[in-house]
Protein backbone atom coordinates (compact mmCIF):
# COMPACT_ATOMS: atom_id res chain seq x y z
CA MET A 1 137.38 135.95 114.93
CA VAL A 2 139.02 134.35 111.92
CA GLU A 3 141.18 136.89 109.90
CA ALA A 4 139.76 137.17 106.31
CA PRO A 5 141.69 135.20 103.91
CA MET A 6 142.72 138.08 100.92
CA ASP A 7 143.32 135.74 97.68
CA VAL A 8 142.22 132.16 96.13
CA GLU A 9 145.33 130.67 97.36
CA GLU A 10 144.69 131.63 101.04
CA LEU A 11 140.98 130.50 100.83
CA LEU A 12 142.39 126.90 99.49
CA MET A 13 144.86 126.92 102.60
CA LEU A 14 141.89 127.59 104.76
CA GLY A 15 139.73 124.80 102.93
CA LYS A 16 142.48 122.28 103.60
CA TYR A 17 142.83 122.99 107.09
CA MET A 18 139.40 122.74 108.06
CA GLU A 19 139.66 119.22 106.05
CA LEU A 20 142.58 118.21 108.13
CA GLN A 21 141.10 119.80 111.64
CA PRO A 22 137.17 119.49 111.22
CA ALA A 23 137.04 121.18 114.50
CA ALA A 24 138.50 124.37 113.09
CA LEU A 25 135.09 124.72 110.92
CA ARG A 26 133.11 125.87 113.97
CA GLN A 27 135.66 128.77 114.58
CA VAL A 28 135.67 129.53 110.57
CA ALA A 29 131.94 129.36 110.78
CA GLU A 30 131.90 131.68 113.66
CA GLY A 31 134.20 134.34 112.51
CA LEU A 32 132.71 134.29 108.74
CA LEU A 33 129.04 133.84 108.64
CA LYS A 34 126.17 135.74 109.90
CA VAL A 35 122.26 134.51 110.36
CA ARG A 36 119.24 136.00 111.63
CA ASP A 37 118.20 134.70 114.82
CA ARG A 38 114.75 134.10 116.52
CA GLU A 39 114.39 137.81 116.87
CA GLY A 40 115.33 138.56 113.80
CA VAL A 41 118.85 139.58 115.07
CA GLU A 42 121.87 139.47 112.93
CA ARG A 43 124.75 137.60 114.40
CA PRO A 44 127.62 135.16 113.93
CA LEU A 45 126.44 131.62 113.13
CA ARG A 46 127.62 129.94 116.83
CA ALA A 47 126.72 126.29 116.49
CA ASN A 48 123.91 125.09 118.98
CA ALA A 49 124.05 121.61 120.87
CA VAL A 50 122.24 119.91 118.03
CA GLN A 51 124.46 121.42 115.40
CA ARG A 52 127.74 120.54 117.32
CA GLU A 53 126.38 116.95 117.63
CA PHE A 54 125.74 116.62 113.88
CA GLU A 55 129.39 117.72 113.59
CA ARG A 56 130.87 115.38 116.14
CA ARG A 57 128.82 112.26 114.65
CA ARG A 58 128.46 113.24 111.14
CA GLY A 59 129.50 110.53 108.14
CA ARG A 60 129.89 110.91 104.40
CA GLN A 61 126.28 110.21 103.70
CA ASN A 62 123.88 111.24 106.68
CA ILE A 63 120.53 111.23 107.46
CA VAL A 64 118.67 113.32 110.16
CA LEU A 65 115.40 112.94 112.09
CA LYS A 66 114.17 115.87 113.82
CA ALA A 67 111.84 118.03 116.05
CA ARG A 68 111.13 121.32 114.12
CA GLN A 69 113.65 124.28 114.02
CA MET A 70 116.59 122.56 115.62
CA GLY A 71 118.83 124.65 113.12
CA ILE A 72 120.34 121.46 111.21
CA THR A 73 119.43 123.01 107.67
CA THR A 74 121.14 126.36 108.78
CA TRP A 75 123.77 124.57 109.81
CA VAL A 76 124.21 122.22 106.57
CA ALA A 77 123.73 125.45 104.56
CA GLY A 78 126.59 127.18 106.23
CA ARG A 79 128.96 124.05 105.95
CA PHE A 80 128.73 123.72 103.02
CA PHE A 81 129.10 127.10 101.73
CA LEU A 82 132.14 127.19 103.63
CA LYS A 83 133.27 124.50 101.48
CA THR A 84 131.91 126.09 98.48
CA ILE A 85 134.11 129.35 98.53
CA THR A 86 137.29 127.40 100.12
CA GLY A 87 137.84 124.62 97.72
CA ARG A 88 138.19 124.77 93.37
CA GLY A 89 135.66 123.19 91.02
CA VAL A 90 133.07 122.62 93.69
CA MET A 91 129.36 122.10 93.13
CA THR A 92 126.98 122.25 95.77
CA VAL A 93 122.96 121.92 95.74
CA GLN A 94 120.55 122.25 98.10
CA VAL A 95 117.07 120.89 97.31
CA ALA A 96 114.21 121.97 99.59
CA GLN A 97 110.67 120.61 99.37
CA THR A 98 108.98 123.53 97.92
CA ARG A 99 110.12 126.87 95.47
CA GLU A 100 109.01 129.00 98.48
CA ALA A 101 111.39 127.16 100.81
CA ALA A 102 114.17 126.75 98.38
CA GLU A 103 113.83 130.61 97.92
CA GLY A 104 113.93 130.84 101.83
CA ILE A 105 117.22 129.02 102.00
CA PHE A 106 119.07 130.52 99.25
CA ARG A 107 117.94 134.06 101.04
CA MET A 108 119.78 132.65 104.03
CA VAL A 109 122.96 131.51 101.57
CA GLN A 110 122.77 134.95 100.45
CA ARG A 111 122.93 136.38 103.93
CA PHE A 112 126.44 134.41 104.29
CA TRP A 113 127.62 136.22 101.35
CA GLU A 114 126.79 139.43 101.54
CA CYS A 115 127.93 139.30 105.33
CA LEU A 116 131.55 138.56 104.50
CA PRO A 117 134.09 141.00 104.48
CA VAL A 118 134.21 143.34 101.34
CA GLU A 119 137.81 142.71 100.43
CA LEU A 120 136.34 138.77 99.75
CA ARG A 121 133.14 139.93 97.76
CA GLU A 122 135.15 142.43 95.44
CA GLY A 123 138.00 139.95 95.59
CA PRO A 124 138.52 136.27 94.96
CA LEU A 125 134.87 135.69 95.82
CA ARG A 126 133.27 137.91 93.44
CA ARG A 127 130.30 136.65 91.95
CA SER A 128 129.39 136.13 87.94
CA ARG A 129 126.14 135.48 88.78
CA ALA A 130 123.46 135.84 91.29
CA ASN A 131 120.05 134.80 90.31
CA VAL A 132 117.41 133.22 92.31
CA GLY A 133 119.01 129.96 93.70
CA GLN A 134 122.58 130.18 92.13
CA MET A 135 125.46 131.73 92.77
CA CYS A 136 128.61 131.05 90.96
CA PHE A 137 132.42 132.10 91.75
CA PRO A 138 134.72 132.06 88.83
CA GLY A 139 137.96 132.67 90.60
CA LEU A 140 137.38 129.27 92.28
CA ASP A 141 135.15 127.82 89.31
CA SER A 142 132.52 126.80 92.19
CA GLU A 143 128.82 127.13 92.41
CA PHE A 144 126.09 126.80 95.23
CA ARG A 145 122.53 126.19 94.05
CA VAL A 146 119.13 125.88 95.57
CA VAL A 147 116.67 124.10 94.12
CA SER A 148 113.13 122.45 94.72
CA ALA A 149 112.37 119.05 94.30
CA ALA A 150 109.59 119.72 92.42
CA ASP A 151 111.96 120.83 89.97
CA GLU A 152 112.18 117.45 87.61
CA SER A 153 115.94 118.42 86.30
CA ALA A 154 117.10 118.93 89.95
CA GLY A 155 120.91 117.86 89.89
CA ARG A 156 120.39 116.44 86.48
CA GLY A 157 123.80 116.83 84.28
CA LEU A 158 125.80 117.92 87.17
CA THR A 159 128.67 116.10 89.32
CA VAL A 160 127.81 117.19 93.13
CA GLN A 161 130.60 117.37 95.43
CA TYR A 162 128.03 118.21 98.28
CA LEU A 163 124.41 117.41 98.38
CA HIS A 164 121.89 118.47 101.05
CA CYS A 165 118.24 117.26 100.77
CA SER A 166 115.81 119.23 102.99
CA GLU A 167 112.54 118.22 104.33
CA VAL A 168 112.72 114.89 102.57
CA SER A 169 109.27 113.32 103.61
CA ARG A 170 107.53 116.04 102.30
CA TRP A 171 108.89 116.06 98.70
CA PRO A 172 106.13 116.12 96.11
CA GLY A 173 105.79 113.49 93.32
CA ASP A 174 107.90 110.69 93.31
CA ALA A 175 110.63 111.45 96.00
CA ALA A 176 112.54 108.16 95.69
CA ALA A 177 113.11 108.60 91.82
CA THR A 178 113.86 112.60 92.70
CA LEU A 179 116.31 111.16 95.28
CA ALA A 180 118.06 108.54 93.05
CA GLY A 181 118.96 110.88 90.54
CA LEU A 182 120.46 113.15 92.93
CA ARG A 183 122.45 110.76 94.08
CA ALA A 184 123.66 109.59 90.61
CA ALA A 185 125.12 112.96 90.58
CA LEU A 186 126.71 113.16 93.92
CA ALA A 187 130.63 112.41 93.14
CA PRO A 188 132.77 109.48 94.53
CA GLY A 189 133.75 110.84 98.04
CA GLY A 190 131.00 113.62 97.85
CA GLU A 191 129.24 114.54 100.86
CA MET A 192 125.12 114.24 101.53
CA VAL A 193 122.99 115.14 104.33
CA MET A 194 119.42 114.29 104.13
CA GLU A 195 117.12 115.88 106.69
CA SER A 196 113.52 116.01 107.53
CA THR A 197 110.71 116.03 110.55
CA PRO A 198 108.92 112.89 110.36
CA ASN A 199 105.63 112.51 108.33
CA GLY A 200 104.39 108.79 108.61
CA ALA A 201 105.36 105.39 108.69
CA TYR A 202 105.62 105.43 104.97
CA GLY A 203 107.42 106.88 102.04
CA CYS A 204 111.18 107.70 100.92
CA PHE A 205 112.32 109.54 103.93
CA TYR A 206 111.02 106.58 106.18
CA GLU A 207 112.50 103.96 103.98
CA GLU A 208 115.86 105.84 104.24
CA TRP A 209 116.02 106.07 107.78
CA GLY A 210 115.32 102.61 108.05
CA ARG A 211 118.28 101.40 106.07
CA GLY A 212 120.65 103.78 107.89
CA VAL A 213 123.19 102.67 110.37
CA GLU A 214 123.89 103.97 113.89
CA PRO A 215 127.59 106.25 114.00
CA GLY A 216 130.41 103.85 114.76
CA VAL A 217 132.48 104.80 117.78
CA GLY A 218 135.33 105.72 115.57
CA GLY A 219 133.37 108.13 113.68
CA SER A 220 133.26 108.94 110.09
CA ASP A 221 136.12 106.78 109.10
CA CYS A 222 134.27 103.78 110.42
CA GLN A 223 131.47 104.33 108.10
CA GLY A 224 131.18 102.08 104.76
CA ASP A 225 131.17 103.88 101.25
CA ASP A 226 127.55 103.14 101.00
CA GLU A 227 126.33 103.19 104.81
CA VAL A 228 124.04 106.34 105.39
CA VAL A 229 124.79 107.66 109.09
CA ARG A 230 121.04 108.09 111.39
CA HIS A 231 120.98 110.95 113.74
CA PHE A 232 117.86 111.70 115.65
CA PHE A 233 117.38 115.13 117.54
CA PRO A 234 114.48 115.26 119.77
CA TRP A 235 113.35 118.84 120.74
CA TRP A 236 114.66 119.00 124.05
CA MET A 237 117.89 119.42 122.56
CA GLU A 238 117.35 123.01 121.95
CA GLU A 239 117.51 125.34 124.87
CA ALA A 240 115.04 127.59 123.49
CA TYR A 241 112.26 125.09 124.08
CA VAL A 242 110.94 125.74 127.66
CA GLY A 243 107.81 127.15 129.16
CA ALA A 244 106.07 127.94 132.58
CA PRO A 245 107.71 125.30 135.25
CA VAL A 246 105.08 122.46 136.10
CA SER A 247 105.23 120.60 139.40
CA ASP A 248 102.18 118.29 139.15
CA LEU A 249 103.82 115.60 136.88
CA ARG A 250 101.17 113.23 135.01
CA GLU A 251 102.62 109.70 134.56
CA ASP A 252 103.97 110.17 131.23
CA GLU A 253 105.74 113.00 132.22
CA ARG A 254 107.31 111.60 134.99
CA ARG A 255 108.27 108.87 132.51
CA VAL A 256 109.57 111.47 130.04
CA VAL A 257 111.73 113.44 133.09
CA LEU A 258 113.30 109.86 134.31
CA ALA A 259 114.17 108.35 130.98
CA HIS A 260 115.54 112.06 129.53
CA GLY A 261 116.23 114.69 132.75
CA LEU A 262 114.01 117.08 131.35
CA THR A 263 113.17 119.93 133.57
CA ALA A 264 110.11 121.51 134.80
CA GLU A 265 110.24 124.31 132.23
CA GLN A 266 110.85 121.78 129.63
CA ILE A 267 107.65 119.82 130.79
CA GLY A 268 106.05 123.00 130.87
CA PHE A 269 106.96 123.95 127.01
CA ARG A 270 105.76 120.23 126.26
CA ARG A 271 102.07 120.96 127.26
CA GLY A 272 101.92 123.65 125.54
CA LEU A 273 103.03 121.76 122.52
CA GLU A 274 99.92 119.86 123.43
CA ALA A 275 97.60 122.63 123.58
CA SER A 276 98.72 123.89 120.21
CA TYR A 277 99.25 120.67 118.13
CA ARG A 278 97.39 118.01 119.73
CA GLY A 279 97.86 114.93 117.85
CA LEU A 280 100.25 116.20 115.62
CA ARG A 281 102.62 117.13 118.79
CA SER A 282 104.86 114.07 118.43
CA GLN A 283 105.14 114.57 114.58
CA GLU A 284 106.32 118.27 114.72
CA PHE A 285 108.12 117.85 117.92
CA ALA A 286 109.52 114.45 118.14
CA GLU A 287 110.76 112.80 121.37
CA ASP A 288 111.74 109.25 119.84
CA ALA A 289 112.65 107.84 116.48
CA GLU A 290 109.77 105.35 116.46
CA SER A 291 106.42 106.67 117.39
CA CYS A 292 107.15 110.26 115.85
CA PHE A 293 106.66 108.14 112.50
CA LYS A 294 103.97 106.03 113.62
CA ALA A 295 101.84 109.09 115.15
CA THR A 296 101.44 110.43 111.89
CA GLY A 297 100.37 110.21 108.26
CA GLU A 298 96.76 108.76 108.92
CA CYS A 299 97.56 105.03 107.04
CA CYS A 300 94.50 103.36 106.43
CA PHE A 301 95.84 100.09 107.84
CA GLU A 302 97.20 99.08 110.95
CA VAL A 303 100.69 99.69 110.35
CA ALA A 304 102.23 97.45 112.99
CA ALA A 305 100.50 94.68 111.37
CA VAL A 306 101.86 95.15 108.50
CA GLU A 307 105.30 95.54 109.41
CA ALA A 308 104.90 92.43 111.50
CA ARG A 309 103.93 90.34 108.45
CA LEU A 310 106.90 91.86 106.44
CA VAL A 311 109.24 90.60 108.89
CA GLU A 312 107.76 87.19 108.43
CA LEU A 313 108.11 87.17 104.56
CA GLY A 314 110.10 85.24 102.40
CA GLU A 315 110.94 84.81 98.82
CA PRO A 316 108.60 83.74 96.11
CA VAL A 317 109.21 80.18 94.70
CA GLU A 318 109.46 81.77 91.22
CA THR A 319 110.19 84.76 89.31
CA ARG A 320 108.94 85.44 85.47
CA ARG A 321 109.04 88.58 83.42
CA GLY A 322 112.11 89.93 84.59
CA GLY A 323 110.72 89.80 88.58
CA THR A 324 107.70 91.62 87.61
CA LEU A 325 105.85 88.41 88.21
CA GLN A 326 106.28 86.66 91.31
CA VAL A 327 104.77 82.97 92.24
CA TRP A 328 104.54 81.55 95.58
CA LEU A 329 101.73 78.96 95.41
CA PRO A 330 101.37 77.20 92.07
CA PRO A 331 98.15 75.93 91.03
CA ILE A 332 96.70 72.75 92.38
CA ALA A 333 94.50 70.47 90.89
CA GLY A 334 90.88 70.90 92.03
CA LYS A 335 91.43 74.35 93.47
CA GLU A 336 89.31 77.26 92.57
CA TYR A 337 91.28 80.31 91.82
CA LEU A 338 90.44 84.02 90.98
CA VAL A 339 92.50 86.39 89.00
CA GLY A 340 92.15 90.42 90.03
CA VAL A 341 93.08 93.08 87.48
CA ASP A 342 94.11 96.83 88.42
CA THR A 343 94.56 98.18 84.76
CA ALA A 344 96.38 100.99 83.43
CA GLY A 345 97.49 103.21 80.47
CA GLY A 346 101.08 101.57 80.14
CA GLY A 347 103.85 103.10 78.60
CA ALA A 348 107.53 103.77 80.11
CA ASP A 349 106.41 106.35 82.14
CA GLY A 350 102.60 105.30 83.02
CA ASP A 351 100.87 103.76 86.18
CA PHE A 352 101.46 100.24 86.78
CA ALA A 353 99.19 97.82 85.97
CA ALA A 354 98.68 94.60 88.54
CA VAL A 355 97.27 91.33 88.43
CA GLN A 356 96.50 89.40 91.64
CA VAL A 357 95.81 85.64 91.86
CA ILE A 358 94.08 84.46 94.88
CA GLU A 359 93.11 80.56 96.02
CA MET A 360 88.99 81.21 96.04
CA SER A 361 88.37 78.99 99.51
CA SER A 362 90.98 80.58 101.46
CA GLY A 363 91.88 83.92 99.94
CA MET A 364 95.60 83.31 99.74
CA GLN A 365 97.87 85.33 97.59
CA CYS A 366 99.29 82.77 94.89
CA ALA A 367 101.07 85.23 92.33
CA GLU A 368 101.42 88.68 91.70
CA LEU A 369 102.18 90.76 88.76
CA GLN A 370 103.12 94.65 88.69
CA GLN A 371 104.28 95.82 85.31
CA ARG A 372 103.59 98.85 82.84
CA LEU A 373 101.40 97.19 80.11
CA GLY A 374 98.94 98.25 77.71
CA THR A 375 95.58 96.96 77.29
CA LEU A 376 96.14 94.16 74.86
CA GLU A 377 99.35 92.72 76.72
CA LEU A 378 97.59 93.05 79.68
CA ALA A 379 94.92 91.05 78.74
CA ARG A 380 96.95 88.53 77.19
CA VAL A 381 99.05 88.05 80.42
CA SER A 382 95.96 87.81 82.52
CA ALA A 383 94.27 85.04 80.63
CA GLU A 384 97.58 83.20 80.70
CA LEU A 385 97.65 83.29 84.48
CA ALA A 386 93.86 82.38 84.31
CA ARG A 387 94.32 79.21 82.17
CA GLU A 388 97.58 78.26 84.17
CA TYR A 389 95.01 78.09 87.30
CA GLY A 390 92.82 76.13 86.05
CA GLY A 391 90.55 78.27 84.17
CA ALA A 392 90.02 81.00 86.59
CA THR A 393 87.60 83.38 86.88
CA ILE A 394 89.14 87.03 85.82
CA ALA A 395 87.98 89.92 87.72
CA VAL A 396 88.92 93.30 85.70
CA GLU A 397 88.52 96.76 87.08
CA ARG A 398 86.33 98.41 84.52
CA ASN A 399 86.96 102.01 85.37
CA ASN A 400 89.30 103.97 82.62
CA HIS A 401 91.40 101.46 80.82
CA GLY A 402 89.38 98.27 82.26
CA ALA A 403 86.75 98.52 79.31
CA GLY A 404 89.92 97.88 76.43
CA VAL A 405 91.24 94.78 78.64
CA LEU A 406 87.75 93.20 78.68
CA ALA A 407 87.27 93.77 75.13
CA TYR A 408 90.43 92.33 74.25
CA LEU A 409 89.84 89.32 77.08
CA ASP A 410 86.46 88.87 75.04
CA SER A 411 87.64 89.23 70.82
CA VAL A 412 91.37 88.28 71.25
CA GLU A 413 91.99 85.82 73.95
CA ARG A 414 88.35 84.46 73.62
CA TYR A 415 88.29 84.11 77.43
CA SER A 416 84.74 83.35 78.77
CA ARG A 417 84.93 83.43 82.23
CA VAL A 418 84.97 86.81 83.35
CA TYR A 419 83.52 88.13 86.45
CA GLU A 420 80.09 90.32 85.78
CA GLN A 421 78.37 92.79 87.99
CA THR A 422 74.65 93.01 87.82
CA GLY A 423 75.01 91.94 84.26
CA VAL A 424 77.76 93.80 83.06
CA ALA A 425 81.19 92.47 82.72
CA GLY A 426 84.06 93.64 85.39
CA TRP A 427 84.06 95.31 88.51
CA LEU A 428 83.50 98.92 89.37
CA THR A 429 85.02 100.85 91.74
CA THR A 430 83.28 103.65 92.73
CA ALA A 431 82.90 106.47 96.00
CA GLY A 432 80.64 103.79 97.41
CA SER A 433 82.61 100.65 96.68
CA LYS A 434 85.68 101.61 97.30
CA PRO A 435 85.27 102.08 101.24
CA GLY A 436 84.16 98.76 101.67
CA MET A 437 87.32 97.40 99.68
CA VAL A 438 89.42 99.25 101.75
CA SER A 439 87.86 97.97 105.12
CA ARG A 440 87.92 94.46 103.93
CA MET A 441 91.74 94.70 103.31
CA GLY A 442 92.09 96.38 106.74
CA ALA A 443 90.31 93.62 108.50
CA LEU A 444 92.34 91.01 106.71
CA LEU A 445 95.55 92.23 107.23
CA VAL A 446 94.75 92.15 110.97
CA GLU A 447 93.05 89.09 111.31
CA SER A 448 94.43 87.04 108.51
CA PRO A 449 98.00 88.31 107.70
CA TRP A 450 99.17 84.78 106.83
CA MET A 451 97.02 85.35 103.70
CA PHE A 452 99.71 87.41 102.05
CA PHE A 453 103.31 87.14 100.76
CA SER A 454 104.29 90.21 98.79
CA ARG A 455 106.59 92.92 99.88
CA ARG A 456 105.15 95.07 96.94
CA LEU A 457 101.43 94.81 98.39
CA LEU A 458 102.44 95.12 102.11
CA GLY A 459 104.68 97.99 101.08
CA GLU A 460 101.54 99.94 99.06
CA CYS A 461 99.40 98.87 102.22
CA ARG A 462 102.00 100.91 104.52
CA THR A 463 101.38 104.28 101.98
CA PHE A 464 97.79 103.74 101.56
CA VAL A 465 96.43 107.15 103.54
CA ALA A 466 93.09 108.78 104.24
CA MET A 467 93.17 112.17 102.22
CA ALA A 468 91.22 115.30 102.39
CA GLY A 469 87.58 115.13 101.67
CA GLY A 470 87.61 111.29 102.76
CA ARG A 471 89.22 110.07 100.01
CA THR A 472 91.99 107.19 100.15
CA GLY A 473 94.90 106.58 98.22
CA ALA A 474 98.59 106.56 97.75
CA VAL A 475 100.86 109.04 99.11
CA ASN A 476 102.73 111.18 96.36
CA GLY A 477 105.31 109.08 94.74
CA ALA A 478 103.79 105.83 95.97
CA HIS A 479 101.67 103.15 94.14
CA ASP A 480 98.49 101.18 94.78
CA ASP A 481 97.82 99.08 91.74
CA CYS A 482 98.89 95.67 93.99
CA LEU A 483 96.60 96.80 96.71
CA MET A 484 93.78 97.76 94.64
CA ALA A 485 94.45 94.42 92.64
CA MET A 486 93.85 92.37 95.55
CA ALA A 487 91.40 94.39 96.99
CA ILE A 488 88.97 93.57 93.82
CA ALA A 489 89.83 89.95 93.98
CA GLN A 490 89.16 89.93 97.92
CA ALA A 491 85.50 91.64 97.25
CA VAL A 492 84.99 89.56 94.34
CA ARG A 493 85.76 86.45 96.40
CA ALA A 494 83.53 87.77 99.56
CA GLU A 495 79.98 87.67 97.03
CA PHE A 496 81.34 84.40 95.95
CA VAL A 497 81.51 82.97 99.44
CA LEU A 498 78.33 84.55 100.35
CA LYS A 499 76.54 83.11 97.11
CA THR A 500 77.80 79.56 98.26
CA ARG A 501 76.47 79.65 101.59
C-alpha cells in the first residue's frame, strides 16, 4: 500500500518517481485508486494481464485494437489521473464516442478522487471545479476533462499533456478531423492513447491502425517522434472469459487451440460468443488484427479487391489546381470520352464536388477532380475538361444543385454535348437507379480493377457501406463524391455501349 503524500511537493516527488521508475506506477495505482469490478464491488485498481502488457510495451503515442471490456479505458483513465494529480500544470483530456460514454468515464474518474485519502481531497487535491466532465486542482494548476467526440470544440484552444481517445472507430461525424484537432492540441512530448474495438475495414481508426508500427525491442525509447505504437489484445487475454469446458473440438477450434494454447473452458466461452453474437463475434471479441476489421462494416464492395488495387497504384502523371485535379491518361485524338459530374453546394465547409473523365470504349479512368466548388465554377471546370478531352459528353447528376450546373453549362459555357435521360438533361439518381449503379461499380472493381487509378476513389469505395432500411452511402466522416461521379460515368457509358451494339 502506498503511503499518501500530504502536500504538493510530496505529490510532485511521487510523480517524478513514477517517471524514473515506470514499474512503480502499478504499485501507486493499486495503493491510491479504486474501481468497481464486474460484480459491482469496489476494489483497488490492480493491473490485469492486458493492462500489464500495455504498460510494458507502450510508447509516447499508442493505438490499441482490442476485444470488448478488456480494461484498457479504465487503466488509461487511472494512469492519466495519477499523472494529473502528481504533476504541475497538467491538462488531461479523455474523449469518448458519445456523451453517455463520456459521463460513464467521468464517473469512474470521480470515484478515483472520492476514494483518495481525505487528507489529499481536503488538502493539495482540493478541487475548485468538479462539474460533469471537468475537475480542476488549483494547488497544482492541473485539470482533468472528459468530453464527447460529438463536441465540435473538444480540445480546441487547449494545450494537452495527456490525451486518451476512446472507441475511435465509433466516433460520430468527421472522426479524422476531430482527431486532427486533438492532435494539434497535444504538447510536444505529450502522451496519447487511441483505443477501440474494430468497426469495419474503413474509417479513421482503421487508417490509423494501418499507419501504426510494432513496438521496438527497446520499448518507447526506440520510438520515433511521429510513430504510433500498435497494441493488439485478443479476447482470451481476459482471464474472466471462460465457459463450460468443451471436449469435441471442431477443426477451426483445433487451429485456435494449437496457435494460441486456449483451454477447453476458453473454447466453451467462444462457443457462447457464437450463439450470442453470431456474425459479430469477430468484431466484438477479436482474435486477430485482420479478420476483426473485415468481418464488420457491411462494405458494399469486395474489400480485398479494393485493397489489392490500392497496393498496385502509382502516382498521377499530372496534378493541377493544387492537387485537386489529377490526370493519369491524357486525351488521345480520335478517342471518345465521357465526363461524369457529382455536384455539391460548394463553400469552405460544404460537400465536395467531383468530376470523373473516362475513355468511352474501355471505361478507363483518365482524370479526376475533387474540390469544393459552387455551381458556376463547377460548370466552367467541367466544360474545360470536356473540351480538353475532344469535346466529351458531360453527364451531370441533376439532383439538387445539378440543375444549376446544367443551366450554367447551357447559358454561360454554351456547351451542347450534355447527356440527356428520356429527353431531360442530366442523370437522375434515385432509389431505383442507385442500386444498379453501385452493383455495376462492384462488378468492375472485381473484374476490371485496372480501370481505376485514383486513391481517393478507391478509398471511398472502402468506406461505402450498407445502412439501415436498405440505403447505401459513406460512413460518418467519409465522402462518396468521387465514387458517385464514377458510378454516373460508368452507368452512362453502359447505356452508350448498349446502344452501339
